[in-house]
Amino acid sequence: MNIPFLDLGRLNAPYMDDINRALLRVAASGRYVGGEEVARFESELGNYLVRQYVIGASNGLDALRLILEGYKRLGRMKDGDGVIVPANTYIATILAIEAAGLRPVAVEPSEETLNIDSELIERSITPRTRAIMTVHLYGRVAWDAAMADIADRYGLLVIEDNAQGLGSRSQLPGRSESIMAGALGDAAALSFYPTKNLGAMGDAGAVATDDEGLAKAVRALANYGSDRRYHNIYRGFNCRLDPVQAAVLSAKLHGLDRDNDRRREIAAIYDAKISNPRVRLHRINPQSQTNYHQYVISVDGDREEFRRLLSEAGVVTDVHYAVPPHLQPCYEGELGGPYPITEKIARQVVSLPIAPYLTDAEAEYVASVINSVRLS
């Protein structure tokens, strides 16, 4: 078999009739910035997350930055304040914090969950710490009783980097009593990059919150800092969601839960069939529900040899992420460290094909190829 890591054409095929109608509708509307399509998607996403306010944004990085800048305008943060963040996150999380004039404080992840280790958060808190930015990496929910307790005791904001977690559900309700990733903390940023479980046909993002004041600040900041035409209350940005992308996302949102259920079925095949002793499976808490944005294993041995052998058998894999932020050239020496657990994870993780279009036979083939690999 030939199994690419991700085929976006195949991924979008079930939605193409709806997408084409949506694109034609936008083209005929004459409204190419903001308008009804954006408002419709914001409302639909708010209903899905059970969030009072959703504000479309240009991408996930901008959504994170808009939240932080919004809290600064509201007096909840100021330049130089600290934000707790997992050391093994994608670099966009760190970039957003720094772009907002804040200080990222990296905390090691758990080797089992691959998310921030909540038991390590408290030791990194200082009088200048204002928030925990929790990242639902790979779609695995990063929210638990220890994190909730620390945030409450220290009066910290909880900001979700939910770029990968849309449709995941937590065992423990969040601050709004919801169990949906993206509605667990005070505010959440979402990404709709084309490879996400709900992907646009270009860059797109959103902010979700129940805080009316933050919602108003974010909406103004995203539109040049203006709360109405030619009236700028902030020195803002241009971070608006494109109506073309909003229409595409509306066309696909109705299928998100179905697609996520299929991802879980594929993951269950991997869980049951992969038995290579040099491969570690990172199982989730059965009382939570991940969307399996990525199905990630850890390889004990030469990862590139492992990936090469799979590729020769027709199975293409990826790595998320090979170089953690603190080792990137732009940050080397600036984010503290060393972070041995983060670095070990970065050396070992491999992402397997997990798109909802995969057949059972294809998933079983991936597992059989993995089991056939012998590493020295």
Protein backbone atom coordinates (compact mmCIF):
# COMPACT_ATOMS: atom_id res chain seq x y z
CA MET A 1 0.00 0.00 0.00
CA ASN A 2 0.94 3.64 -0.45
CA ILE A 3 -0.22 5.69 2.55
CA PRO A 4 0.82 9.37 2.58
CA PHE A 5 0.94 11.13 5.91
CA LEU A 6 -1.92 13.43 4.89
CA ASP A 7 -3.75 13.96 1.60
CA LEU A 8 -5.70 17.23 1.83
CA GLY A 9 -7.58 16.52 -1.39
CA ARG A 10 -8.85 13.24 -0.01
CA LEU A 11 -9.54 14.87 3.36
CA ASN A 12 -11.75 17.58 1.83
CA ALA A 13 -13.43 15.41 -0.81
CA PRO A 14 -16.60 14.68 1.24
CA TYR A 15 -17.17 18.42 1.69
CA MET A 16 -16.41 19.71 -1.79
CA ASP A 17 -20.00 20.24 -2.93
CA ASP A 18 -20.72 22.30 0.20
CA ILE A 19 -17.40 24.13 -0.10
CA ASN A 20 -18.03 25.03 -3.74
CA ARG A 21 -21.46 26.41 -2.91
CA ALA A 22 -19.95 28.41 -0.04
CA LEU A 23 -17.23 29.88 -2.25
CA LEU A 24 -19.73 30.88 -4.92
CA ARG A 25 -21.95 32.44 -2.26
CA VAL A 26 -19.07 34.61 -1.00
CA ALA A 27 -18.05 35.59 -4.52
CA ALA A 28 -21.60 36.67 -5.36
CA SER A 29 -22.11 38.53 -2.08
CA GLY A 30 -19.77 41.41 -2.85
CA ARG A 31 -18.67 41.35 0.82
CA TYR A 32 -15.06 40.20 1.02
CA VAL A 33 -14.06 41.38 4.50
CA GLY A 34 -16.19 40.56 7.54
CA GLY A 35 -19.92 40.33 7.04
CA GLU A 36 -22.50 37.56 7.29
CA GLU A 37 -20.22 34.61 6.59
CA VAL A 38 -17.88 35.50 9.44
CA ALA A 39 -20.78 36.19 11.82
CA ARG A 40 -22.39 32.87 10.91
CA PHE A 41 -19.26 30.86 11.57
CA GLU A 42 -18.57 32.67 14.85
CA SER A 43 -22.10 31.82 16.01
CA GLU A 44 -21.85 28.19 14.92
CA LEU A 45 -18.50 27.71 16.61
CA GLY A 46 -19.75 29.37 19.78
CA ASN A 47 -22.70 26.96 19.86
CA TYR A 48 -20.36 24.01 19.30
CA LEU A 49 -17.99 25.03 22.11
CA VAL A 50 -20.77 26.38 24.36
CA ARG A 51 -18.91 29.69 24.52
CA GLN A 52 -20.69 33.05 24.66
CA TYR A 53 -18.23 34.87 22.42
CA VAL A 54 -16.20 33.77 19.40
CA ILE A 55 -14.14 36.25 17.41
CA GLY A 56 -12.67 35.16 14.10
CA ALA A 57 -8.96 35.80 13.58
CA SER A 58 -6.42 35.53 10.79
CA ASN A 59 -4.63 32.49 12.28
CA GLY A 60 -3.91 30.68 15.53
CA LEU A 61 -0.79 32.68 16.38
CA ASP A 62 -2.68 35.95 16.01
CA ALA A 63 -5.53 34.55 18.10
CA LEU A 64 -3.13 33.82 20.97
CA ARG A 65 -1.58 37.25 20.72
CA LEU A 66 -4.99 38.95 20.63
CA ILE A 67 -5.97 37.26 23.89
CA LEU A 68 -2.78 38.40 25.62
CA GLU A 69 -3.00 41.92 24.20
CA GLY A 70 -6.65 42.04 25.22
CA TYR A 71 -5.83 41.17 28.82
CA LYS A 72 -3.16 43.87 28.81
CA ARG A 73 -5.66 46.47 27.64
CA LEU A 74 -8.00 45.37 30.44
CA GLY A 75 -5.23 45.74 33.04
CA ARG A 76 -4.97 42.03 33.79
CA MET A 77 -1.37 41.84 32.48
CA LYS A 78 1.49 44.22 31.81
CA ASP A 79 4.81 44.06 29.98
CA GLY A 80 7.23 41.59 31.54
CA ASP A 81 4.62 39.45 33.29
CA GLY A 82 5.20 35.71 33.21
CA VAL A 83 3.11 33.12 31.38
CA ILE A 84 3.59 29.43 32.24
CA VAL A 85 3.86 27.33 29.07
CA PRO A 86 4.91 23.75 28.22
CA ALA A 87 8.51 23.47 27.07
CA ASN A 88 7.58 21.06 24.25
CA THR A 89 4.99 23.20 22.54
CA TYR A 90 5.08 24.42 18.94
CA ILE A 91 7.02 27.66 18.66
CA ALA A 92 3.89 29.73 17.88
CA THR A 93 2.90 29.53 21.56
CA ILE A 94 6.17 31.15 22.59
CA LEU A 95 6.10 33.68 19.75
CA ALA A 96 2.67 34.94 20.82
CA ILE A 97 3.75 35.47 24.42
CA GLU A 98 6.87 37.38 23.44
CA ALA A 99 5.08 39.42 20.77
CA ALA A 100 2.72 40.64 23.49
CA GLY A 101 5.65 41.84 25.61
CA LEU A 102 5.26 39.03 28.14
CA ARG A 103 7.74 36.44 29.42
CA PRO A 104 7.35 32.74 28.59
CA VAL A 105 8.18 30.44 31.52
CA ALA A 106 8.74 26.92 30.21
CA VAL A 107 7.72 23.86 32.24
CA GLU A 108 8.59 20.27 31.37
CA PRO A 109 5.92 17.88 30.04
CA SER A 110 4.97 14.44 31.26
CA GLU A 111 6.53 11.59 29.27
CA GLU A 112 3.22 9.73 29.45
CA THR A 113 0.71 12.43 28.50
CA LEU A 114 3.14 14.54 26.38
CA ASN A 115 1.39 17.59 27.87
CA ILE A 116 2.63 20.00 30.53
CA ASP A 117 3.26 18.24 33.85
CA SER A 118 0.84 19.97 36.19
CA GLU A 119 2.79 18.78 39.22
CA LEU A 120 5.75 20.93 38.09
CA ILE A 121 3.86 24.19 37.49
CA GLU A 122 3.83 25.56 41.02
CA ARG A 123 7.61 25.65 41.42
CA SER A 124 7.85 28.01 38.41
CA ILE A 125 5.36 30.58 39.73
CA THR A 126 6.70 33.97 40.81
CA PRO A 127 5.00 37.19 41.94
CA ARG A 128 4.99 38.28 38.27
CA THR A 129 3.22 35.16 36.97
CA ARG A 130 -0.19 36.05 35.57
CA ALA A 131 -1.33 33.08 33.49
CA ILE A 132 -0.98 29.45 32.54
CA MET A 133 -1.09 28.87 28.80
CA THR A 134 -2.04 25.22 28.52
CA VAL A 135 -1.55 23.50 25.16
CA HIS A 136 -3.76 20.60 24.07
CA LEU A 137 -0.88 19.09 22.13
CA TYR A 138 -1.84 16.51 19.48
CA GLY A 139 -5.46 16.96 20.64
CA ARG A 140 -4.71 15.48 24.08
CA VAL A 141 -6.53 17.56 26.71
CA ALA A 142 -4.13 19.41 29.03
CA TRP A 143 -6.41 20.17 31.98
CA ASP A 144 -6.58 18.42 35.34
CA ALA A 145 -7.36 18.96 39.00
CA ALA A 146 -3.80 19.98 39.87
CA MET A 147 -3.71 22.69 37.22
CA ALA A 148 -7.16 23.96 38.19
CA ASP A 149 -6.16 24.11 41.87
CA ILE A 150 -2.92 26.00 41.17
CA ALA A 151 -4.67 28.50 38.91
CA ASP A 152 -7.33 29.15 41.52
CA ARG A 153 -4.93 29.44 44.48
CA TYR A 154 -2.63 31.86 42.70
CA GLY A 155 -5.37 33.79 40.88
CA LEU A 156 -3.93 32.92 37.45
CA LEU A 157 -5.67 33.23 34.12
CA VAL A 158 -5.94 30.00 32.15
CA ILE A 159 -5.46 30.49 28.42
CA GLU A 160 -5.90 27.49 26.13
CA ASP A 161 -3.73 27.06 23.07
CA ASN A 162 -6.39 24.96 21.39
CA ALA A 163 -4.80 24.97 17.95
CA GLN A 164 -4.94 21.16 17.89
CA GLY A 165 -7.76 20.23 20.28
CA LEU A 166 -11.08 21.19 18.67
CA GLY A 167 -13.59 18.47 19.49
CA SER A 168 -11.60 16.97 22.37
CA ARG A 169 -13.32 16.64 25.72
CA SER A 170 -11.98 16.70 29.26
CA GLN A 171 -12.71 14.38 32.14
CA LEU A 172 -12.76 17.41 34.44
CA PRO A 173 -15.05 20.39 33.74
CA GLY A 174 -13.34 23.72 33.21
CA ARG A 175 -13.89 27.14 34.70
CA SER A 176 -17.16 27.55 32.80
CA GLU A 177 -18.26 24.01 33.73
CA SER A 178 -17.84 22.92 30.12
CA ILE A 179 -15.79 19.82 29.28
CA MET A 180 -14.95 20.98 25.72
CA ALA A 181 -11.35 21.82 24.89
CA GLY A 182 -11.54 25.48 24.01
CA ALA A 183 -14.02 26.15 26.82
CA LEU A 184 -12.02 24.97 29.84
CA GLY A 185 -10.09 28.12 30.70
CA ASP A 186 -10.79 31.84 30.64
CA ALA A 187 -10.07 32.15 26.92
CA ALA A 188 -8.91 29.93 24.07
CA ALA A 189 -7.16 30.39 20.75
CA LEU A 190 -7.99 28.11 17.84
CA SER A 191 -6.23 27.45 14.54
CA PHE A 192 -7.89 26.30 11.33
CA TYR A 193 -4.71 25.73 9.33
CA PRO A 194 -5.58 23.33 6.50
CA THR A 195 -4.11 20.29 8.27
CA LYS A 196 -6.21 20.73 11.43
CA ASN A 197 -9.21 18.55 12.25
CA LEU A 198 -11.33 21.50 11.11
CA GLY A 199 -9.17 23.01 8.41
CA ALA A 200 -9.68 26.04 6.20
CA MET A 201 -8.30 26.52 2.69
CA GLY A 202 -5.64 28.87 3.97
CA ASP A 203 -4.81 30.45 7.32
CA ALA A 204 -7.61 31.09 9.80
CA GLY A 205 -8.16 31.19 13.56
CA ALA A 206 -10.48 32.30 16.33
CA VAL A 207 -10.68 33.41 19.96
CA ALA A 208 -13.32 31.91 22.25
CA THR A 209 -14.28 33.22 25.70
CA ASP A 210 -17.17 33.91 28.07
CA ASP A 211 -15.62 37.23 29.14
CA GLU A 212 -17.53 40.05 27.47
CA GLY A 213 -14.86 42.63 28.19
CA LEU A 214 -12.13 40.48 26.68
CA ALA A 215 -14.31 39.68 23.67
CA LYS A 216 -14.85 43.38 22.98
CA ALA A 217 -11.15 44.13 23.38
CA VAL A 218 -10.11 41.27 21.08
CA ARG A 219 -12.62 42.22 18.39
CA ALA A 220 -11.41 45.81 18.43
CA LEU A 221 -7.72 44.87 18.46
CA ALA A 222 -8.19 42.56 15.49
CA ASN A 223 -9.69 45.41 13.47
CA TYR A 224 -7.03 48.12 13.80
CA GLY A 225 -8.08 48.76 17.41
CA SER A 226 -11.44 50.15 16.36
CA ASP A 227 -14.77 49.54 18.09
CA ARG A 228 -16.62 51.26 15.26
CA ARG A 229 -15.68 52.74 11.93
CA TYR A 230 -12.91 55.33 12.11
CA HIS A 231 -12.93 55.21 15.92
CA ASN A 232 -9.77 53.59 17.27
CA ILE A 233 -9.76 52.91 21.00
CA TYR A 234 -6.52 50.87 20.85
CA ARG A 235 -3.38 50.77 18.77
CA GLY A 236 -4.48 47.57 17.12
CA PHE A 237 -3.70 45.11 14.34
CA ASN A 238 -5.22 43.70 11.20
CA CYS A 239 -6.00 40.13 12.25
CA ARG A 240 -9.48 39.56 10.84
CA LEU A 241 -10.93 36.25 9.68
CA ASP A 242 -11.46 36.18 5.91
CA PRO A 243 -15.11 35.49 4.89
CA VAL A 244 -13.92 32.95 2.31
CA GLN A 245 -12.31 30.91 5.07
CA ALA A 246 -15.30 31.42 7.37
CA ALA A 247 -17.63 30.03 4.70
CA VAL A 248 -15.39 27.00 4.12
CA LEU A 249 -15.24 26.32 7.85
CA SER A 250 -19.03 26.56 8.18
CA ALA A 251 -19.33 24.05 5.35
CA LYS A 252 -17.14 21.58 7.24
CA LEU A 253 -18.05 22.15 10.90
CA HIS A 254 -21.11 19.88 10.76
CA GLY A 255 -18.82 16.92 9.99
CA LEU A 256 -16.22 17.56 12.69
CA ASP A 257 -17.57 15.14 15.30
CA ARG A 258 -18.05 12.42 12.70
CA ASP A 259 -14.49 12.88 11.47
CA ASN A 260 -13.12 12.87 15.01
CA ASP A 261 -15.03 9.68 15.78
CA ARG A 262 -13.37 8.08 12.76
CA ARG A 263 -9.96 9.22 13.98
CA ARG A 264 -10.70 7.48 17.29
CA GLU A 265 -11.58 4.28 15.44
CA ILE A 266 -8.27 4.38 13.58
CA ALA A 267 -6.43 5.09 16.84
CA ALA A 268 -8.15 2.09 18.43
CA ILE A 269 -6.76 -0.12 15.64
CA TYR A 270 -3.27 1.23 16.29
CA ASP A 271 -3.71 0.71 20.04
CA ALA A 272 -4.76 -2.90 19.52
CA LYS A 273 -2.42 -3.90 16.69
CA ILE A 274 0.93 -2.17 17.31
CA SER A 275 3.15 -4.48 19.32
CA ASN A 276 6.71 -3.62 18.34
CA PRO A 277 8.73 -3.67 21.59
CA ARG A 278 10.77 -0.66 20.45
CA VAL A 279 7.61 1.46 20.10
CA ARG A 280 5.85 3.17 22.98
CA LEU A 281 2.16 4.01 22.72
CA HIS A 282 0.97 7.07 24.63
CA ARG A 283 -2.50 6.05 25.71
CA ILE A 284 -4.97 8.68 26.88
CA ASN A 285 -7.08 8.76 30.03
CA PRO A 286 -10.12 6.68 28.99
CA GLN A 287 -12.40 9.18 30.74
CA SER A 288 -11.24 12.01 28.51
CA GLN A 289 -11.72 12.08 24.75
CA THR A 290 -9.04 13.22 22.34
CA ASN A 291 -9.70 14.25 18.76
CA TYR A 292 -6.45 12.52 17.68
CA HIS A 293 -5.19 15.48 15.72
CA GLN A 294 -2.02 13.44 15.73
CA TYR A 295 -1.41 9.83 16.73
CA VAL A 296 2.06 10.00 18.23
CA ILE A 297 4.34 7.12 19.22
CA SER A 298 7.83 7.16 20.70
CA VAL A 299 10.60 5.10 19.11
CA ASP A 300 13.42 3.60 21.15
CA GLY A 301 16.26 3.62 18.66
CA ASP A 302 17.23 5.35 15.44
CA ARG A 303 14.10 7.32 14.58
CA GLU A 304 15.20 8.24 11.08
CA GLU A 305 15.99 4.61 10.28
CA PHE A 306 12.56 3.67 11.61
CA ARG A 307 10.88 6.28 9.42
CA ARG A 308 12.94 5.25 6.39
CA LEU A 309 11.91 1.61 6.74
CA LEU A 310 8.25 2.62 7.01
CA SER A 311 8.57 4.88 3.98
CA GLU A 312 10.09 2.06 1.92
CA ALA A 313 6.98 0.03 2.76
CA GLY A 314 4.73 2.90 1.61
CA VAL A 315 3.91 4.43 5.00
CA VAL A 316 4.84 8.11 5.30
CA THR A 317 5.25 9.58 8.79
CA ASP A 318 6.06 12.99 10.25
CA VAL A 319 7.62 14.41 13.42
CA HIS A 320 5.87 16.92 15.70
CA TYR A 321 8.27 18.39 16.73
CA ALA A 322 11.92 17.58 16.14
CA VAL A 323 13.37 20.78 17.65
CA PRO A 324 11.75 22.31 20.77
CA PRO A 325 11.54 26.10 21.07
CA HIS A 326 14.44 26.48 23.50
CA LEU A 327 16.80 24.86 20.96
CA GLN A 328 15.64 26.89 17.97
CA PRO A 329 18.30 29.34 16.71
CA CYS A 330 16.10 32.34 17.48
CA TYR A 331 15.71 31.35 21.15
CA GLU A 332 18.80 29.33 22.01
CA GLY A 333 19.94 30.30 25.48
CA GLU A 334 16.96 32.58 26.15
CA LEU A 335 14.24 30.21 27.41
CA GLY A 336 16.18 28.53 30.18
CA GLY A 337 16.84 24.84 30.31
CA PRO A 338 18.08 22.28 29.85
CA TYR A 339 14.76 20.50 29.52
CA PRO A 340 15.77 16.82 29.37
CA ILE A 341 12.25 15.39 29.11
CA THR A 342 11.32 17.80 26.33
CA GLU A 343 14.54 16.97 24.48
CA LYS A 344 13.98 13.21 24.89
CA ILE A 345 10.45 13.51 23.52
CA ALA A 346 11.72 15.57 20.58
CA ARG A 347 14.25 12.82 19.75
CA GLN A 348 11.73 9.97 19.90
CA VAL A 349 8.28 11.05 18.70
CA VAL A 350 6.84 9.96 15.36
CA SER A 351 3.39 10.90 14.06
CA LEU A 352 1.45 8.23 12.15
CA PRO A 353 -1.21 8.77 9.46
CA ILE A 354 -4.52 9.37 11.27
CA ALA A 355 -6.80 11.18 8.80
CA PRO A 356 -10.48 10.17 8.92
CA TYR A 357 -10.47 8.91 5.32
CA LEU A 358 -8.16 6.00 6.19
CA THR A 359 -9.74 2.55 5.91
CA ASP A 360 -9.43 -0.15 8.54
CA ALA A 361 -7.24 -2.09 6.11
CA GLU A 362 -4.89 0.87 5.70
CA ALA A 363 -4.61 1.35 9.47
CA GLU A 364 -3.95 -2.36 9.96
CA TYR A 365 -1.28 -2.20 7.27
CA VAL A 366 0.45 0.70 9.08
CA ALA A 367 0.45 -1.34 12.29
CA SER A 368 1.79 -4.45 10.54
CA VAL A 369 4.63 -2.48 8.93
CA ILE A 370 5.57 -0.99 12.31
CA ASN A 371 5.60 -4.45 13.87
CA SER A 372 7.89 -5.73 11.12
CA VAL A 373 10.57 -3.07 11.73
CA ARG A 374 13.69 -4.28 13.50
CA LEU A 375 16.03 -1.65 14.88
CA SER A 376 19.57 -2.39 16.00
